[in-house]
Amino acid sequence: MEYQSREYRKLHKTEDLQHFQVVVGETDLDIGIKKERYDADVKKKLELHICNLRRVIEEYIKKYPEFLTSLSPYNPTKDAPIQINEMCKAGQLAGVGPMACVAGLISEKTGQFLERYSKDVIVENGGDIWLKSSRKRTVSIFAGNSAFTNRVGIELRPEKTPLGICTSSGTVGHSFSFGKADAVVMLSPTAVLADAVATATCNIVQDVSDLEKSVDFALGIPGIIGAISIMGDKMAVRGEVKLISL
C-alpha cells in the first residue's frame, strides 16, 4: 500500500471558510469554518475537546485491548461510553471491527462541537469527512493513480447535511484493508457508519468485476444513502450521488 502525503489539502476552493489544522497524537484534522467565526480561542477549545475524546477511546482500550485489535464486530461492555457504543454499532452493521470507524467518529464529534460556533463546518480526517453547510459544496474524489482522481467530484446540497463522506482504499494511505479498490466512498448522515461501511465495502473489491457487487452491498446497509467504488478507469455508483466533472 502506497502512502500519500496530504497535499490535496492545498486544493481547497472554499473562499468563505477559514481552514486550519489540528494535530493531536495520531489525529490529523483539516477543518473549515466560517472565516468570521474563527479565532485562536476556538482552536484551543477544539484541541481540548479532541484530547478528551481520544482519552475516552484510549482508556477503554487499556481496559479492553481486544477492542483495538478486533477485525470483526465487537460487543461493547456494560461500562462502555457512548462513543464506544457508537463505534461498535457501526462495526456490527458493516461487519467489521470497531476501530474501522475511529476516524469517522472523530470527524463527526469534531464537527458537532464546532456547530455551536459556525453554521458551516467541514472536518476532514485522512479522507473521512463530516460536513454541514448552508450552501452547495463539491467534494473532490481522490483515488490514487486512478484516472478519476481530482477529475470527478460529488455535489452536496445543504439540505442533505450534516453528512458523512468517508473513503477507504486498498492502494492509498496507511489504513489496513483486505481490498484492492483505489477508492470506495460512502455517504451517510453519520460519518461513523460511513467510515465502517467504506472499510467493509473496500474489502469486497478484489478486481473490477466486484465493483457493482460492492456498492450493492453498501446500499443494503441501513443508513447508507450513496456509494462509489473505483478501480483504475472503472467506477460503480449507487444511491443518492450526484457526480460532476472538475
Protein backbone atom coordinates (compact mmCIF):
# COMPACT_ATOMS: atom_id res chain seq x y z
CA MET A 1 0.00 0.00 0.00
CA GLU A 2 1.35 3.38 -1.02
CA TYR A 3 1.34 6.24 1.48
CA GLN A 4 0.25 9.60 0.12
CA SER A 5 1.01 12.93 1.79
CA ARG A 6 -1.93 15.24 2.33
CA GLU A 7 -1.06 17.64 -0.48
CA TYR A 8 -4.72 17.56 -1.52
CA ARG A 9 -5.43 19.93 1.36
CA LYS A 10 -3.86 22.71 -0.68
CA LEU A 11 -6.61 22.39 -3.28
CA HIS A 12 -9.40 23.90 -1.16
CA LYS A 13 -11.60 26.40 -3.01
CA THR A 14 -13.87 27.37 -0.13
CA GLU A 15 -13.39 31.15 -0.12
CA ASP A 16 -15.96 31.64 2.64
CA LEU A 17 -14.21 29.29 5.08
CA GLN A 18 -11.10 29.57 7.20
CA HIS A 19 -9.15 26.32 7.01
CA PHE A 20 -6.84 25.30 9.81
CA GLN A 21 -5.20 22.10 11.06
CA VAL A 22 -5.40 20.42 14.43
CA VAL A 23 -2.99 17.60 15.27
CA VAL A 24 -3.38 15.62 18.49
CA GLY A 25 -1.39 12.36 18.62
CA GLU A 26 -2.25 10.36 15.51
CA THR A 27 -5.28 12.55 14.84
CA ASP A 28 -4.55 14.98 11.99
CA LEU A 29 -7.55 17.11 11.03
CA ASP A 30 -8.14 19.75 8.40
CA ILE A 31 -11.06 21.95 9.45
CA GLY A 32 -13.01 24.67 7.73
CA ILE A 33 -15.43 27.08 9.46
CA LYS A 34 -16.82 30.48 8.52
CA LYS A 35 -13.97 32.98 8.45
CA GLU A 36 -15.67 35.41 10.80
CA ARG A 37 -16.15 32.64 13.39
CA TYR A 38 -12.52 31.55 13.61
CA ASP A 39 -10.15 32.68 16.34
CA ALA A 40 -7.38 31.21 18.48
CA ASP A 41 -9.79 30.56 21.36
CA VAL A 42 -11.99 28.33 19.20
CA LYS A 43 -8.97 26.30 18.13
CA LYS A 44 -7.76 25.94 21.72
CA LYS A 45 -11.16 24.72 22.90
CA LEU A 46 -11.34 22.30 19.99
CA GLU A 47 -7.92 20.83 20.79
CA LEU A 48 -9.09 20.17 24.35
CA HIS A 49 -12.27 18.56 23.04
CA ILE A 50 -10.28 16.21 20.79
CA CYS A 51 -7.89 15.34 23.62
CA ASN A 52 -10.85 14.38 25.79
CA LEU A 53 -12.40 12.30 23.02
CA ARG A 54 -9.15 10.47 22.38
CA ARG A 55 -8.74 9.87 26.11
CA VAL A 56 -12.13 8.13 26.25
CA ILE A 57 -11.08 5.72 23.49
CA GLU A 58 -7.56 5.19 24.83
CA GLU A 59 -8.77 4.42 28.35
CA TYR A 60 -11.28 1.91 27.05
CA ILE A 61 -8.56 0.20 25.01
CA LYS A 62 -6.37 -0.06 28.12
CA LYS A 63 -9.17 -1.94 29.88
CA TYR A 64 -10.25 -3.98 26.86
CA PRO A 65 -7.32 -4.30 24.40
CA GLU A 66 -9.33 -6.59 22.12
CA PHE A 67 -11.40 -3.53 21.16
CA LEU A 68 -8.31 -2.20 19.37
CA THR A 69 -7.31 -5.39 17.58
CA SER A 70 -10.64 -6.95 16.63
CA LEU A 71 -11.24 -7.16 12.87
CA SER A 72 -14.78 -8.44 13.37
CA PRO A 73 -17.82 -6.91 15.11
CA TYR A 74 -17.28 -6.29 18.82
CA ASN A 75 -19.88 -6.37 21.57
CA PRO A 76 -19.33 -3.43 23.95
CA THR A 77 -19.15 -3.99 27.68
CA LYS A 78 -21.81 -2.59 30.00
CA ASP A 79 -19.47 0.19 31.13
CA ALA A 80 -18.70 1.33 27.57
CA PRO A 81 -19.00 5.11 26.97
CA ILE A 82 -21.42 6.35 24.32
CA GLN A 83 -18.61 6.89 21.78
CA ILE A 84 -17.51 3.27 22.11
CA ASN A 85 -21.09 2.09 21.69
CA GLU A 86 -21.44 4.16 18.52
CA MET A 87 -18.31 2.59 17.03
CA CYS A 88 -19.45 -0.91 17.98
CA LYS A 89 -22.91 -0.40 16.47
CA ALA A 90 -21.46 0.85 13.17
CA GLY A 91 -18.98 -2.04 13.08
CA GLN A 92 -21.78 -4.53 13.68
CA LEU A 93 -23.88 -3.11 10.83
CA ALA A 94 -20.91 -3.20 8.46
CA GLY A 95 -19.41 -6.48 9.69
CA VAL A 96 -16.04 -5.01 10.68
CA GLY A 97 -14.11 -4.24 13.86
CA PRO A 98 -14.96 -1.05 15.78
CA MET A 99 -11.65 0.71 15.10
CA ALA A 100 -12.54 0.71 11.39
CA CYS A 101 -14.63 3.80 12.10
CA VAL A 102 -12.50 5.71 14.59
CA ALA A 103 -11.57 8.38 12.02
CA GLY A 104 -15.22 8.90 11.13
CA LEU A 105 -16.13 9.16 14.81
CA ILE A 106 -13.51 11.84 15.46
CA SER A 107 -14.58 13.79 12.35
CA GLU A 108 -18.21 13.68 13.42
CA LYS A 109 -17.66 14.62 17.06
CA THR A 110 -15.34 17.44 16.00
CA GLY A 111 -17.94 18.76 13.55
CA GLN A 112 -20.73 18.58 16.09
CA PHE A 113 -18.59 20.50 18.59
CA LEU A 114 -17.94 23.25 16.02
CA GLU A 115 -21.63 23.61 15.11
CA ARG A 116 -22.04 25.92 18.10
CA TYR A 117 -19.58 28.36 16.51
CA SER A 118 -20.28 28.14 12.78
CA LYS A 119 -23.25 27.24 10.57
CA ASP A 120 -20.80 25.85 8.00
CA VAL A 121 -18.31 23.21 9.13
CA ILE A 122 -16.06 20.81 7.21
CA VAL A 123 -13.85 18.34 9.07
CA GLU A 124 -11.51 16.08 7.10
CA ASN A 125 -9.63 13.28 8.84
CA GLY A 126 -7.49 11.39 6.35
CA GLY A 127 -10.24 11.23 3.75
CA ASP A 128 -13.10 10.82 6.23
CA ILE A 129 -15.29 13.93 6.19
CA TRP A 130 -18.12 15.33 8.28
CA LEU A 131 -19.80 18.28 6.65
CA LYS A 132 -22.56 20.72 7.48
CA SER A 133 -23.22 23.51 5.01
CA SER A 134 -25.64 26.33 4.27
CA ARG A 135 -24.64 26.30 0.59
CA LYS A 136 -23.89 23.81 -2.16
CA ARG A 137 -20.43 22.25 -1.92
CA THR A 138 -18.33 19.91 -4.03
CA VAL A 139 -16.03 17.23 -2.61
CA SER A 140 -13.33 16.01 -4.99
CA ILE A 141 -12.61 12.29 -5.20
CA PHE A 142 -9.00 11.20 -4.64
CA ALA A 143 -8.36 7.64 -5.83
CA GLY A 144 -4.58 7.32 -6.11
CA ASN A 145 -3.44 6.55 -9.64
CA SER A 146 -6.98 6.14 -10.95
CA ALA A 147 -7.98 8.28 -13.92
CA PHE A 148 -10.81 9.71 -11.80
CA THR A 149 -8.56 11.35 -9.20
CA ASN A 150 -9.35 15.08 -8.86
CA ARG A 151 -11.34 14.92 -12.11
CA VAL A 152 -14.66 13.87 -10.56
CA GLY A 153 -16.45 15.40 -7.59
CA ILE A 154 -19.57 14.81 -5.53
CA GLU A 155 -22.05 17.67 -5.42
CA LEU A 156 -23.55 18.09 -1.95
CA ARG A 157 -26.68 20.15 -1.32
CA PRO A 158 -27.20 21.92 2.04
CA GLU A 159 -30.49 20.17 2.82
CA LYS A 160 -28.65 16.83 2.75
CA THR A 161 -26.25 17.90 5.51
CA PRO A 162 -24.99 17.11 8.10
CA LEU A 163 -23.41 14.32 6.11
CA GLY A 164 -20.54 11.89 6.44
CA ILE A 165 -18.44 11.31 3.30
CA CYS A 166 -15.87 8.62 4.05
CA THR A 167 -13.27 6.95 1.86
CA SER A 168 -11.39 3.67 2.11
CA SER A 169 -8.67 2.45 -0.24
CA GLY A 170 -6.63 -0.66 -0.77
CA THR A 171 -3.94 1.23 -2.69
CA VAL A 172 -3.61 4.62 -0.97
CA GLY A 173 -2.91 5.58 2.63
CA HIS A 174 -1.84 3.74 5.76
CA SER A 175 -5.14 2.16 6.86
CA PHE A 176 -5.38 -1.63 6.83
CA SER A 177 -7.56 -3.09 4.06
CA PHE A 178 -8.19 -6.52 2.57
CA GLY A 179 -9.40 -4.91 -0.68
CA LYS A 180 -7.77 -3.58 -3.81
CA ALA A 181 -10.06 -0.68 -4.74
CA ASP A 182 -8.39 2.65 -5.47
CA ALA A 183 -11.24 4.33 -3.61
CA VAL A 184 -14.56 3.43 -2.04
CA VAL A 185 -16.66 6.40 -0.94
CA MET A 186 -19.70 6.18 1.34
CA LEU A 187 -22.35 8.79 2.08
CA SER A 188 -24.38 8.62 5.28
CA PRO A 189 -25.94 11.04 7.77
CA THR A 190 -23.39 9.67 10.24
CA ALA A 191 -19.67 9.65 9.46
CA VAL A 192 -19.17 6.81 11.95
CA LEU A 193 -21.29 4.46 9.84
CA ALA A 194 -19.92 5.80 6.54
CA ASP A 195 -16.38 5.02 7.71
CA ALA A 196 -17.21 1.49 8.85
CA VAL A 197 -19.08 0.65 5.65
CA ALA A 198 -16.36 2.15 3.46
CA THR A 199 -13.91 -0.29 5.03
CA ALA A 200 -16.24 -3.26 4.62
CA THR A 201 -17.07 -2.34 1.02
CA CYS A 202 -13.43 -1.85 0.07
CA ASN A 203 -12.66 -5.31 1.45
CA ILE A 204 -15.03 -6.80 -1.16
CA VAL A 205 -13.21 -5.35 -4.17
CA GLN A 206 -10.51 -7.68 -5.47
CA ASP A 207 -10.93 -6.84 -9.18
CA VAL A 208 -13.20 -4.71 -11.38
CA SER A 209 -15.85 -7.42 -11.51
CA ASP A 210 -16.52 -6.75 -7.81
CA LEU A 211 -17.31 -3.04 -8.16
CA GLU A 212 -21.06 -3.37 -8.73
CA LYS A 213 -21.39 -6.06 -6.09
CA SER A 214 -19.62 -3.85 -3.57
CA VAL A 215 -21.92 -0.84 -3.98
CA ASP A 216 -24.98 -3.09 -3.86
CA PHE A 217 -23.68 -4.45 -0.56
CA ALA A 218 -23.22 -0.95 0.81
CA LEU A 219 -26.71 0.27 -0.14
CA GLY A 220 -28.13 -2.78 1.63
CA ILE A 221 -26.95 -1.39 4.99
CA PRO A 222 -29.49 0.90 6.72
CA GLY A 223 -28.16 4.44 6.92
CA ILE A 224 -26.03 4.38 3.76
CA ILE A 225 -27.53 6.71 1.15
CA GLY A 226 -24.82 6.64 -1.52
CA ALA A 227 -21.84 4.51 -2.56
CA ILE A 228 -19.00 4.74 -5.08
CA SER A 229 -16.36 2.10 -5.86
CA ILE A 230 -13.37 2.84 -8.10
CA MET A 231 -10.62 0.67 -9.55
CA GLY A 232 -8.44 2.02 -12.31
CA ASP A 233 -10.66 3.52 -15.00
CA LYS A 234 -13.83 1.76 -13.82
CA MET A 235 -16.43 3.08 -11.40
CA ALA A 236 -19.70 1.80 -9.91
CA VAL A 237 -22.20 4.20 -8.30
CA ARG A 238 -25.42 3.62 -6.38
CA GLY A 239 -27.84 5.74 -4.37
CA GLU A 240 -28.11 9.50 -3.81
CA VAL A 241 -24.88 10.54 -5.51
CA LYS A 242 -24.56 13.42 -7.97
CA LEU A 243 -21.21 13.33 -9.73
CA ILE A 244 -19.78 16.31 -11.58
CA SER A 245 -16.70 16.85 -13.73
CA LEU A 246 -13.97 19.03 -12.27
